[in-house]
Amino acid sequence: MARLPRFVIPGHPQHVIVRGNNREAIFYENEDYTFYLNKLKDACKKHDCGLHAYVLMTNHVHLLITPQVENGISKLIQMIGRYYVQYFNHKYQRTGTLWEGRYKASLIDTERYLLTCYRYIELNPVRANMVVHPADYPWSSYSCNALGAENALIIAHSEYISLSNTNKNRQSIYRGLFEQHIDSRTIEEIRAATNKAWVLGSEYFKAQIEQKTGRPSQPRKTGGDRCFDRYRQLV
């Protein structure tokens, strides 16, 4: 089956996941994380992408990113992948692929899901039982978004900026969001949309994207489901 094209709308954020091949580790030492982040910064600048949140886990990476050109994210991922695999294979005396196929991505409904995706990404180390609090994990954007630490990679999204008129209050409000539990249904919606390249958002938002792109934004009901719906209307 031919792969569907990704949803890409310049100026609109996406949640991106890049995984190691066979879920194997892609980071072993602090130097590895640092090298990847440096190349990520270079790639964002070169390919006109704004990075809002990220986390580097042991065997995968999450990015919340807005491309300003249609092929910005794909070019960014290609650039990082090329540089990092050369670095990694040379350092650890290995050969072969490092990445698990294509990167995963979903277009995000800014108004409804953007700040939730911020939290979902930066809470990854907590869900993985690596740390108790996201502030304890050094390889994410939490310290920048929540605590005001300088980070040259991060460009604040307008939805984040709208939390308050001052940086101090904005960071305080943002920290407060982490006191709210992300329910399991929302977590599954985020995972499914990203892994299957669907749109994450309200039905209205999905309809808008379908109208703009001319392709389905979510899975269609199966024939059996449609027949069952018609049957229910008759009985």
Protein backbone atom coordinates (compact mmCIF):
# COMPACT_ATOMS: atom_id res chain seq x y z
CA MET A 1 0.00 0.00 0.00
CA ALA A 2 1.33 3.44 -0.94
CA ARG A 3 2.15 5.66 2.01
CA LEU A 4 -0.09 8.67 2.44
CA PRO A 5 1.63 12.06 2.26
CA ARG A 6 2.09 13.76 5.58
CA PHE A 7 -0.07 16.69 6.55
CA VAL A 8 2.17 19.75 6.24
CA ILE A 9 0.85 23.29 6.48
CA PRO A 10 3.52 25.99 6.79
CA GLY A 11 3.04 27.99 9.98
CA HIS A 12 1.17 25.18 11.72
CA PRO A 13 2.74 23.10 14.53
CA GLN A 14 3.41 19.38 14.41
CA HIS A 15 4.29 16.73 16.96
CA VAL A 16 7.20 14.70 15.59
CA ILE A 17 8.70 11.44 16.86
CA VAL A 18 12.01 9.95 15.69
CA ARG A 19 12.90 6.48 16.99
CA GLY A 20 15.99 4.33 17.06
CA ASN A 21 15.95 1.21 14.90
CA ASN A 22 14.27 -1.71 16.73
CA ARG A 23 13.74 0.69 19.64
CA GLU A 24 17.46 0.49 20.41
CA ALA A 25 19.30 3.28 22.23
CA ILE A 26 20.43 6.30 20.23
CA PHE A 27 21.97 8.14 23.21
CA TYR A 28 24.45 6.68 25.68
CA GLU A 29 26.45 9.60 27.08
CA ASN A 30 25.87 13.29 27.77
CA GLU A 31 28.05 14.11 24.77
CA ASP A 32 25.55 12.32 22.50
CA TYR A 33 22.61 14.40 23.70
CA THR A 34 24.62 17.59 23.37
CA PHE A 35 25.74 16.78 19.83
CA TYR A 36 22.16 16.04 18.76
CA LEU A 37 20.85 19.30 20.25
CA ASN A 38 23.57 21.31 18.55
CA LYS A 39 22.69 19.80 15.18
CA LEU A 40 18.99 20.31 15.91
CA LYS A 41 19.61 24.01 16.45
CA ASP A 42 21.55 24.26 13.17
CA ALA A 43 18.87 22.36 11.27
CA CYS A 44 16.04 24.50 12.65
CA LYS A 45 17.84 27.63 11.50
CA LYS A 46 18.77 26.27 8.07
CA HIS A 47 15.32 24.86 7.27
CA ASP A 48 13.19 27.60 8.82
CA CYS A 49 11.51 25.66 11.62
CA GLY A 50 10.52 26.96 15.05
CA LEU A 51 11.06 24.49 17.90
CA HIS A 52 8.70 24.97 20.87
CA ALA A 53 9.27 21.87 23.00
CA TYR A 54 11.40 18.72 22.92
CA VAL A 55 12.61 15.75 24.88
CA LEU A 56 15.48 13.40 24.07
CA MET A 57 14.74 9.97 25.52
CA THR A 58 17.16 7.05 25.47
CA ASN A 59 15.84 5.57 22.24
CA HIS A 60 13.63 8.25 20.71
CA VAL A 61 13.04 11.97 20.34
CA HIS A 62 9.89 14.11 20.58
CA LEU A 63 9.69 17.54 18.94
CA LEU A 64 6.93 20.15 18.90
CA ILE A 65 7.83 22.18 15.87
CA THR A 66 6.39 24.65 13.37
CA PRO A 67 7.74 24.61 9.81
CA GLN A 68 7.60 27.85 7.81
CA VAL A 69 8.10 26.04 4.50
CA GLU A 70 6.40 22.89 3.25
CA ASN A 71 9.43 20.60 3.33
CA GLY A 72 11.02 22.19 6.40
CA ILE A 73 10.54 19.33 8.84
CA SER A 74 11.52 16.58 6.41
CA LYS A 75 14.70 18.45 5.47
CA LEU A 76 15.44 19.10 9.14
CA ILE A 77 15.07 15.42 10.07
CA GLN A 78 17.23 14.37 7.11
CA MET A 79 19.96 16.80 8.08
CA ILE A 80 20.06 15.75 11.74
CA GLY A 81 19.84 12.08 10.84
CA ARG A 82 22.76 12.29 8.46
CA TYR A 83 25.05 14.15 10.85
CA TYR A 84 24.10 12.16 13.92
CA VAL A 85 24.42 8.68 12.41
CA GLN A 86 27.92 9.55 11.16
CA TYR A 87 28.85 10.79 14.63
CA PHE A 88 27.26 7.84 16.42
CA ASN A 89 28.64 5.11 14.17
CA HIS A 90 32.14 6.56 14.33
CA LYS A 91 32.09 7.00 18.09
CA TYR A 92 30.71 3.54 18.87
CA GLN A 93 32.47 1.71 16.02
CA ARG A 94 29.28 0.45 14.41
CA THR A 95 27.76 0.35 10.93
CA GLY A 96 24.30 0.28 9.48
CA THR A 97 21.11 2.19 10.06
CA LEU A 98 20.35 3.94 13.33
CA TRP A 99 16.79 5.13 12.69
CA GLU A 100 13.48 3.28 12.55
CA GLY A 101 12.16 4.14 9.09
CA ARG A 102 10.27 7.39 8.53
CA TYR A 103 9.71 9.86 11.30
CA LYS A 104 6.18 10.02 12.74
CA ALA A 105 4.25 13.28 12.77
CA SER A 106 0.80 14.72 13.36
CA LEU A 107 -0.64 18.14 12.62
CA ILE A 108 -1.90 19.79 15.82
CA ASP A 109 -5.03 21.76 16.59
CA THR A 110 -3.29 24.75 18.20
CA GLU A 111 -6.19 26.04 20.24
CA ARG A 112 -7.22 22.71 21.74
CA TYR A 113 -4.10 20.56 21.90
CA LEU A 114 -0.91 22.62 21.64
CA LEU A 115 -0.23 23.21 25.33
CA THR A 116 -1.28 19.63 26.05
CA CYS A 117 1.39 18.48 23.60
CA TYR A 118 3.93 20.68 25.37
CA ARG A 119 3.11 18.82 28.57
CA TYR A 120 2.91 15.40 26.94
CA ILE A 121 6.40 15.83 25.51
CA GLU A 122 8.07 17.22 28.63
CA LEU A 123 6.39 14.63 30.89
CA ASN A 124 7.85 11.70 28.94
CA PRO A 125 10.68 11.06 31.42
CA VAL A 126 8.15 11.06 34.28
CA ARG A 127 5.87 8.54 32.54
CA ALA A 128 8.96 6.39 31.88
CA ASN A 129 9.81 6.49 35.62
CA MET A 130 13.18 8.04 34.87
CA VAL A 131 12.55 11.06 37.11
CA VAL A 132 9.93 12.19 39.61
CA HIS A 133 9.49 15.68 38.15
CA PRO A 134 10.17 17.00 34.62
CA ALA A 135 12.56 19.61 36.07
CA ASP A 136 14.85 16.73 37.08
CA TYR A 137 15.44 15.68 33.48
CA PRO A 138 18.17 17.70 31.71
CA TRP A 139 17.41 16.76 28.10
CA SER A 140 14.08 18.49 27.59
CA SER A 141 12.72 21.99 27.10
CA TYR A 142 10.95 22.07 30.49
CA SER A 143 13.62 24.15 32.23
CA CYS A 144 13.23 26.78 29.52
CA ASN A 145 9.44 26.84 29.22
CA ALA A 146 8.68 26.44 32.92
CA LEU A 147 11.68 27.91 34.71
CA GLY A 148 13.05 30.51 32.31
CA ALA A 149 16.42 28.86 31.66
CA GLU A 150 18.13 30.17 28.53
CA ASN A 151 17.83 27.82 25.59
CA ALA A 152 18.82 28.92 22.11
CA LEU A 153 16.79 26.14 20.50
CA ILE A 154 13.39 27.28 21.76
CA ILE A 155 11.08 29.73 20.01
CA ALA A 156 7.95 30.36 22.06
CA HIS A 157 4.69 29.65 20.27
CA SER A 158 2.05 32.39 20.33
CA GLU A 159 -0.27 30.13 22.32
CA TYR A 160 2.41 29.82 25.00
CA ILE A 161 3.10 33.56 24.92
CA SER A 162 -0.60 34.30 25.40
CA LEU A 163 -0.50 32.70 28.85
CA SER A 164 0.64 36.06 30.31
CA ASN A 165 2.14 39.43 29.46
CA THR A 166 5.30 38.80 31.52
CA ASN A 167 7.82 35.99 31.38
CA LYS A 168 7.64 35.35 35.14
CA ASN A 169 3.88 35.01 35.21
CA ARG A 170 3.86 33.00 31.99
CA GLN A 171 6.31 30.49 33.42
CA SER A 172 4.31 30.27 36.63
CA ILE A 173 1.08 29.57 34.74
CA TYR A 174 2.88 27.03 32.59
CA ARG A 175 4.20 25.22 35.67
CA GLY A 176 0.65 25.16 36.98
CA LEU A 177 -0.48 23.25 33.91
CA PHE A 178 1.69 20.34 35.04
CA GLU A 179 -0.38 20.01 38.18
CA GLN A 180 -3.24 18.88 35.95
CA HIS A 181 -3.37 15.23 35.00
CA ILE A 182 -3.32 14.33 31.30
CA ASP A 183 -6.02 11.67 31.12
CA SER A 184 -5.28 8.34 29.49
CA ARG A 185 -7.73 8.96 26.64
CA THR A 186 -5.89 12.14 25.61
CA ILE A 187 -2.54 10.37 25.81
CA GLU A 188 -3.84 7.64 23.51
CA GLU A 189 -5.25 10.25 21.10
CA ILE A 190 -1.85 11.94 20.89
CA ARG A 191 -0.03 8.64 20.39
CA ALA A 192 -2.44 7.34 17.77
CA ALA A 193 -2.49 10.57 15.77
CA THR A 194 1.30 10.80 15.72
CA ASN A 195 2.07 7.16 15.00
CA LYS A 196 -0.54 6.92 12.24
CA ALA A 197 0.06 10.39 10.75
CA TRP A 198 -3.49 11.65 11.41
CA VAL A 199 -4.57 15.10 12.54
CA LEU A 200 -4.87 15.77 16.28
CA GLY A 201 -7.76 18.10 16.98
CA SER A 202 -11.47 18.73 17.18
CA GLU A 203 -13.89 17.48 14.53
CA TYR A 204 -14.23 21.05 13.25
CA PHE A 205 -10.47 21.40 12.95
CA LYS A 206 -10.17 18.06 11.17
CA ALA A 207 -12.89 19.09 8.71
CA GLN A 208 -11.00 22.31 7.97
CA ILE A 209 -7.80 20.38 7.28
CA GLU A 210 -9.63 17.95 5.02
CA GLN A 211 -11.10 20.83 3.04
CA LYS A 212 -7.70 22.47 2.73
CA THR A 213 -5.69 19.35 1.85
CA GLY A 214 -8.26 17.21 0.05
CA ARG A 215 -7.50 14.07 2.05
CA PRO A 216 -8.98 12.35 5.13
CA SER A 217 -7.69 13.69 8.44
CA GLN A 218 -8.67 10.62 10.47
CA PRO A 219 -9.50 6.94 9.88
CA ARG A 220 -12.81 6.28 8.18
CA LYS A 221 -15.28 3.81 9.60
CA THR A 222 -15.01 0.32 8.13
CA GLY A 223 -17.70 -1.04 5.85
CA GLY A 224 -19.00 -3.22 8.66
CA ASP A 225 -19.36 -0.25 10.96
CA ARG A 226 -21.22 1.75 8.33
CA CYS A 227 -23.60 -1.15 7.65
CA PHE A 228 -24.23 -1.57 11.36
CA ASP A 229 -25.02 2.14 11.69
CA ARG A 230 -27.56 1.92 8.86
CA TYR A 231 -29.09 -1.21 10.42
CA ARG A 232 -29.53 0.55 13.77
CA GLN A 233 -31.45 3.32 12.03
CA LEU A 234 -33.91 0.78 10.61
CA VAL A 235 -34.73 -1.07 13.83
